[in-house]
Protein backbone atom coordinates (compact mmCIF):
# COMPACT_ATOMS: atom_id res chain seq x y z
CA MET A 1 -82.92 -63.20 -90.53
CA LEU A 2 -82.67 -60.46 -88.06
CA ASN A 3 -85.46 -58.64 -89.34
CA GLU A 4 -87.54 -61.94 -89.28
CA LEU A 5 -86.58 -62.44 -85.59
CA LYS A 6 -87.92 -58.89 -84.94
CA LYS A 7 -91.02 -59.83 -87.15
CA ILE A 8 -91.48 -62.76 -84.66
CA SER A 9 -91.12 -60.77 -81.48
CA ALA A 10 -93.66 -58.41 -82.97
CA PHE A 11 -96.18 -61.05 -83.40
CA ILE A 12 -95.62 -62.39 -80.36
CA VAL A 13 -95.80 -59.23 -78.08
CA ARG A 14 -99.12 -58.44 -80.19
CA GLU A 15 -100.73 -61.93 -79.14
CA LEU A 16 -99.62 -61.20 -75.76
CA ARG A 17 -101.38 -57.69 -75.51
CA MET A 18 -104.45 -59.21 -77.07
CA LEU A 19 -104.38 -61.78 -73.83
CA TYR A 20 -104.00 -59.17 -71.68
CA THR A 21 -106.59 -57.27 -73.30
CA TYR A 22 -109.26 -59.84 -73.36
CA LYS A 23 -108.02 -61.47 -70.16
CA PHE A 24 -112.08 -62.93 -69.64
CA ALA A 25 -112.01 -64.78 -72.95
CA TYR A 26 -108.61 -66.39 -71.97
CA SER A 27 -109.33 -66.61 -68.09
CA THR A 28 -112.67 -68.79 -69.01
CA THR A 29 -110.92 -71.04 -71.06
CA ILE A 30 -108.26 -71.88 -68.54
CA ILE A 31 -110.91 -71.89 -66.05
CA ASN A 32 -112.97 -74.39 -68.09
CA MET A 33 -110.01 -76.57 -68.21
CA ILE A 34 -109.17 -76.57 -64.80
CA PHE A 35 -112.74 -77.44 -63.71
CA THR A 36 -112.81 -80.22 -66.04
CA VAL A 37 -109.58 -81.97 -64.89
CA VAL A 38 -110.90 -81.23 -61.09
CA TYR A 39 -113.96 -83.14 -61.88
CA LEU A 40 -111.77 -86.09 -63.38
CA LEU A 41 -109.30 -85.91 -60.41
CA LEU A 42 -112.16 -85.98 -57.86
CA PHE A 43 -113.99 -88.88 -59.65
CA GLY A 44 -110.59 -90.59 -59.54
CA SER A 45 -109.84 -89.73 -55.86
CA MET A 46 -112.47 -92.36 -54.67
CA PHE A 47 -110.62 -95.36 -55.62
CA LYS A 48 -107.02 -93.97 -54.62
CA SER A 49 -106.65 -96.52 -51.87
CA ALA A 50 -107.43 -99.21 -54.39
CA ASP A 51 -105.05 -101.43 -56.36
CA VAL A 52 -105.52 -100.81 -59.97
CA PRO A 53 -103.31 -102.97 -61.68
CA SER A 54 -103.15 -100.95 -65.17
CA LEU A 55 -101.96 -98.29 -63.39
CA ALA A 56 -98.78 -100.35 -61.96
CA PRO A 57 -96.23 -99.30 -64.80
CA TYR A 58 -97.01 -95.72 -64.06
CA GLY A 59 -96.68 -95.40 -60.55
CA GLY A 60 -100.27 -96.64 -59.27
CA ASP A 61 -101.37 -92.95 -58.86
CA PHE A 62 -104.45 -92.19 -60.77
CA ILE A 63 -103.94 -88.48 -59.80
CA ALA A 64 -100.38 -88.44 -60.84
CA PHE A 65 -101.65 -90.38 -64.08
CA ALA A 66 -104.30 -88.06 -65.10
CA LEU A 67 -102.19 -84.69 -64.18
CA VAL A 68 -99.45 -85.73 -66.30
CA GLY A 69 -101.60 -86.61 -69.20
CA SER A 70 -103.80 -83.43 -68.98
CA MET A 71 -100.14 -81.23 -68.77
CA GLY A 72 -98.54 -82.64 -71.64
CA TRP A 73 -101.92 -83.07 -73.68
CA SER A 74 -102.77 -79.41 -72.96
CA LEU A 75 -99.26 -77.88 -74.10
CA LEU A 76 -99.30 -80.00 -77.45
CA TRP A 77 -102.67 -79.05 -78.44
CA ASN A 78 -102.21 -75.38 -77.38
CA ILE A 79 -99.51 -75.20 -80.32
CA THR A 80 -101.85 -76.92 -83.06
CA ASN A 81 -104.72 -74.74 -81.93
CA SER A 82 -102.48 -71.41 -81.96
CA VAL A 83 -101.50 -72.09 -85.70
CA SER A 84 -104.63 -72.97 -87.06
CA PHE A 85 -107.06 -70.63 -85.35
CA SER A 86 -104.63 -67.62 -85.58
CA LEU A 87 -104.59 -67.86 -89.21
CA ARG A 88 -108.31 -68.05 -89.25
CA ASN A 89 -108.53 -65.07 -87.06
CA GLU A 90 -106.10 -63.27 -89.26
CA MET A 91 -108.44 -63.79 -91.88
CA LEU A 92 -111.68 -63.12 -89.83
CA MET A 93 -109.92 -59.45 -89.26
CA GLY A 94 -108.96 -58.86 -92.81
CA THR A 95 -105.02 -58.49 -92.02
CA LEU A 96 -103.71 -61.66 -93.16
CA GLU A 97 -103.73 -60.33 -96.78
CA SER A 98 -101.90 -56.93 -95.44
CA ILE A 99 -99.33 -58.88 -93.65
CA LEU A 100 -98.52 -60.78 -96.91
CA ILE A 101 -98.15 -58.20 -98.83
CA THR A 102 -95.45 -56.81 -97.05
CA PRO A 103 -91.74 -58.68 -97.20
CA THR A 104 -93.21 -60.83 -94.31
CA ASN A 105 -92.92 -64.87 -94.88
CA ILE A 106 -95.57 -66.82 -93.80
CA TYR A 107 -93.63 -69.07 -91.81
CA THR A 108 -92.16 -66.11 -89.69
CA ILE A 109 -95.90 -65.95 -88.68
CA ILE A 110 -96.30 -69.37 -88.29
CA VAL A 111 -93.05 -69.90 -85.91
CA ALA A 112 -94.82 -66.74 -84.02
CA TYR A 113 -97.94 -68.70 -83.20
CA ILE A 114 -95.73 -71.64 -82.38
CA ILE A 115 -94.21 -69.91 -79.80
CA PHE A 116 -97.27 -67.97 -78.50
CA GLY A 117 -98.83 -71.32 -78.19
CA SER A 118 -95.99 -72.78 -76.61
CA ILE A 119 -96.37 -70.15 -73.92
CA PHE A 120 -99.87 -70.38 -73.71
CA GLY A 121 -99.41 -74.13 -73.05
CA LEU A 122 -96.88 -73.41 -70.43
CA LEU A 123 -99.18 -71.42 -68.70
CA SER A 124 -101.81 -73.85 -68.63
CA MET A 125 -99.35 -76.29 -67.29
CA LEU A 126 -98.49 -74.17 -64.56
CA PHE A 127 -101.89 -73.81 -63.43
CA LEU A 128 -102.48 -77.69 -63.59
CA PHE A 129 -99.03 -78.07 -61.55
CA LEU A 130 -100.50 -75.83 -58.77
CA LEU A 131 -103.78 -77.54 -59.14
CA GLY A 132 -102.14 -80.83 -58.37
CA PHE A 133 -99.47 -79.47 -55.77
CA TYR A 134 -102.33 -77.39 -53.58
CA GLY A 135 -105.44 -78.95 -54.14
CA PHE A 136 -104.13 -82.94 -54.35
CA GLY A 137 -100.51 -83.03 -52.71
CA VAL A 138 -99.27 -84.29 -55.69
CA ILE A 139 -95.96 -83.05 -57.56
CA VAL A 140 -95.73 -84.39 -61.00
CA PHE A 141 -92.89 -84.13 -63.44
CA SER A 142 -90.33 -84.31 -59.96
CA THR A 143 -88.87 -87.37 -61.72
CA ALA A 144 -88.19 -85.01 -64.97
CA ASN A 145 -85.00 -85.74 -66.97
CA ILE A 146 -83.37 -84.75 -70.15
CA TYR A 147 -85.41 -87.52 -71.94
CA THR A 148 -88.56 -85.89 -70.86
CA ILE A 149 -87.06 -82.67 -72.48
CA ILE A 150 -86.16 -84.59 -75.70
CA ILE A 151 -89.94 -86.16 -75.86
CA PHE A 152 -91.11 -82.89 -75.32
CA SER A 153 -89.45 -81.17 -77.88
CA ILE A 154 -89.87 -83.66 -80.82
CA SER A 155 -93.49 -83.52 -79.71
CA ILE A 156 -93.72 -79.72 -80.08
CA ILE A 157 -92.18 -79.96 -83.58
CA MET A 158 -94.74 -82.63 -84.45
CA MET A 159 -97.23 -80.51 -83.39
CA ALA A 160 -96.29 -77.43 -85.20
CA GLY A 161 -96.55 -79.48 -88.34
CA PHE A 162 -99.57 -80.63 -87.48
CA GLY A 163 -100.79 -77.24 -86.75
CA MET A 164 -99.59 -75.97 -90.51
CA MET A 165 -101.49 -78.73 -92.18
CA PHE A 166 -104.61 -77.31 -90.32
CA GLY A 167 -103.59 -73.83 -90.98
CA GLY A 168 -103.15 -74.78 -94.82
CA LEU A 169 -106.73 -76.65 -95.08
CA THR A 170 -108.31 -73.28 -93.16
CA LEU A 171 -106.57 -71.00 -95.76
CA LYS A 172 -108.13 -73.17 -98.59
CA TYR A 173 -111.28 -74.47 -97.40
CA LYS A 174 -111.76 -71.29 -94.81
CA ASN A 175 -114.31 -73.36 -92.54
CA ILE A 176 -112.92 -76.56 -91.35
CA GLY A 177 -115.92 -77.07 -88.66
CA GLN A 178 -114.99 -79.25 -85.68
CA THR A 179 -112.25 -81.02 -87.30
CA ILE A 180 -109.79 -80.25 -84.69
CA PRO A 181 -111.76 -80.88 -81.88
CA LEU A 182 -112.93 -84.29 -83.51
CA ILE A 183 -109.51 -85.57 -84.02
CA GLN A 184 -108.44 -84.55 -80.44
CA GLY A 185 -111.01 -86.20 -79.20
CA ILE A 186 -110.46 -89.28 -80.90
CA ALA A 187 -106.74 -89.00 -80.15
CA MET A 188 -107.27 -88.49 -76.60
CA PHE A 189 -109.53 -92.13 -76.16
CA PHE A 190 -106.63 -93.83 -77.65
CA CYS A 191 -103.40 -91.73 -76.46
CA SER A 192 -103.37 -93.01 -72.42
CA VAL A 193 -104.02 -89.26 -71.53
CA TYR A 194 -106.82 -89.99 -68.95
CA PHE A 195 -106.84 -93.87 -68.74
CA PRO A 196 -104.24 -96.68 -69.67
CA ILE A 197 -104.55 -97.88 -73.00
CA SER A 198 -104.05 -101.62 -71.38
CA ILE A 199 -107.87 -101.16 -70.24
CA LEU A 200 -109.07 -100.79 -73.68
CA PRO A 201 -110.05 -104.20 -75.63
CA GLY A 202 -107.16 -105.92 -77.12
CA GLY A 203 -108.37 -104.81 -80.80
CA LEU A 204 -108.66 -101.04 -79.73
CA GLN A 205 -105.23 -101.08 -77.88
CA SER A 206 -103.55 -102.33 -81.30
CA PHE A 207 -105.34 -99.49 -82.85
CA THR A 208 -103.63 -96.98 -80.87
CA LYS A 209 -100.17 -97.65 -82.35
CA PHE A 210 -101.12 -95.56 -85.38
CA ILE A 211 -102.40 -92.38 -83.33
CA PRO A 212 -99.27 -90.23 -83.79
CA PHE A 213 -99.83 -88.74 -80.41
CA TYR A 214 -99.88 -91.90 -78.53
CA TYR A 215 -95.81 -92.17 -78.73
CA SER A 216 -95.76 -88.36 -77.54
CA MET A 217 -97.88 -89.30 -74.45
CA GLU A 218 -96.72 -92.86 -73.48
CA GLY A 219 -93.04 -91.72 -74.11
CA LEU A 220 -93.51 -88.97 -71.90
CA ARG A 221 -94.69 -91.15 -69.04
CA ILE A 222 -92.11 -93.88 -70.14
CA SER A 223 -89.35 -90.94 -69.53
CA LEU A 224 -90.67 -90.20 -65.95
CA THR A 225 -90.74 -93.80 -64.71
CA THR A 226 -87.10 -94.50 -65.98
CA ASP A 227 -83.75 -93.50 -64.91
CA GLY A 228 -82.01 -93.50 -68.09
CA LEU A 229 -82.21 -94.56 -71.87
CA ASN A 230 -83.72 -98.08 -72.34
CA PRO A 231 -84.65 -99.66 -75.69
CA GLU A 232 -88.41 -98.86 -74.99
CA LEU A 233 -87.66 -95.17 -74.65
CA LEU A 234 -85.14 -94.88 -77.42
CA HIS A 235 -88.09 -96.86 -79.94
CA TYR A 236 -90.60 -94.01 -78.85
CA ILE A 237 -87.82 -91.21 -79.51
CA ILE A 238 -87.16 -92.82 -83.07
CA ILE A 239 -90.50 -92.73 -83.75
CA LEU A 240 -91.42 -89.67 -82.59
CA THR A 241 -88.39 -87.97 -84.78
CA ILE A 242 -89.81 -89.65 -87.71
CA LEU A 243 -93.19 -88.65 -87.20
CA ALA A 244 -92.31 -84.90 -86.69
CA ALA A 245 -90.00 -84.96 -89.88
CA ALA A 246 -93.08 -86.13 -91.85
CA PHE A 247 -95.65 -83.83 -90.41
CA ILE A 248 -93.34 -81.08 -90.81
CA ILE A 249 -93.07 -81.75 -94.51
CA LEU A 250 -96.50 -82.42 -94.92
CA GLY A 251 -97.56 -79.26 -92.99
CA ILE A 252 -95.38 -77.25 -95.31
CA ILE A 253 -96.59 -78.66 -98.36
CA LEU A 254 -100.47 -78.40 -97.20
CA LEU A 255 -99.62 -74.86 -95.89
CA GLN A 256 -98.32 -73.58 -99.31
CA ARG A 257 -101.19 -75.31 -101.38
CA GLY A 258 -103.38 -73.59 -99.12
CA LEU A 259 -101.85 -70.17 -99.63
CA ASN A 260 -101.68 -70.60 -103.22
CA LYS A 261 -105.00 -71.47 -103.35
CA ALA A 262 -106.29 -68.29 -101.29
CA LYS A 263 -103.86 -66.30 -103.50
CA LYS A 264 -105.27 -67.32 -106.73
CA ASP A 265 -108.74 -67.04 -105.55
CA GLY A 266 -108.28 -63.80 -104.04
CA SER A 267 -109.66 -64.73 -100.49
CA LEU A 268 -106.98 -64.08 -98.53
CA SER A 269 -108.79 -60.76 -97.10
CA PHE A 270 -112.10 -62.37 -96.07
CA TYR A 271 -113.30 -65.45 -94.39
């Protein structure tokens, strides 16, 4: 157990060193994210004085609404992207097979990537927090409570399972194209990230209930607008717990199948 913890630490240190080495690449990623959010916030600021009924349940401030959505979304998807893209990069560099022929479990690597993705996601959240505070005078998560942390924690587990699913598909098929960005784009539309789902047509509003990430974003917002545990918030926590367990189980199955297929084909050492 202690050896596995040391290996996890070694992987995280390696990723952090790579982040420091390739500062330009990571910096442009964060800058691109910030400018995307800035465009949206500046557009929304034109209507700041308007009374928008759809925003009333969330405090009525579009800038705060969009910042909470951006920060939550950034943390969750950084975890999924970290698992899938890191496994892909290990194959591209030809290091995955070398690692796995040592007494290193594939799940040790996965846990390390999940932690690194969380670190990078928290870093992105910090930049967005500073943007909101210094650029627009908005302090988000000022009403965060224990239930906000619970929603985040369960959501992180769910996204880790989602990342393992795509990691398994990457091991099996090598190139999954724009699958993750496509799912991310569709999910963003239905998950109350940049606008309330109440503005969607009735039929589409019903469809949001079938998007797992909706429960993370909406549960997060509810936790920030309520003082304690109410039936609605408990409903989201229960559903997220079920989804997290299902995604983890499915992620383990797909990851193991992908790994077995790659070993059988002898394709771990190339992409």
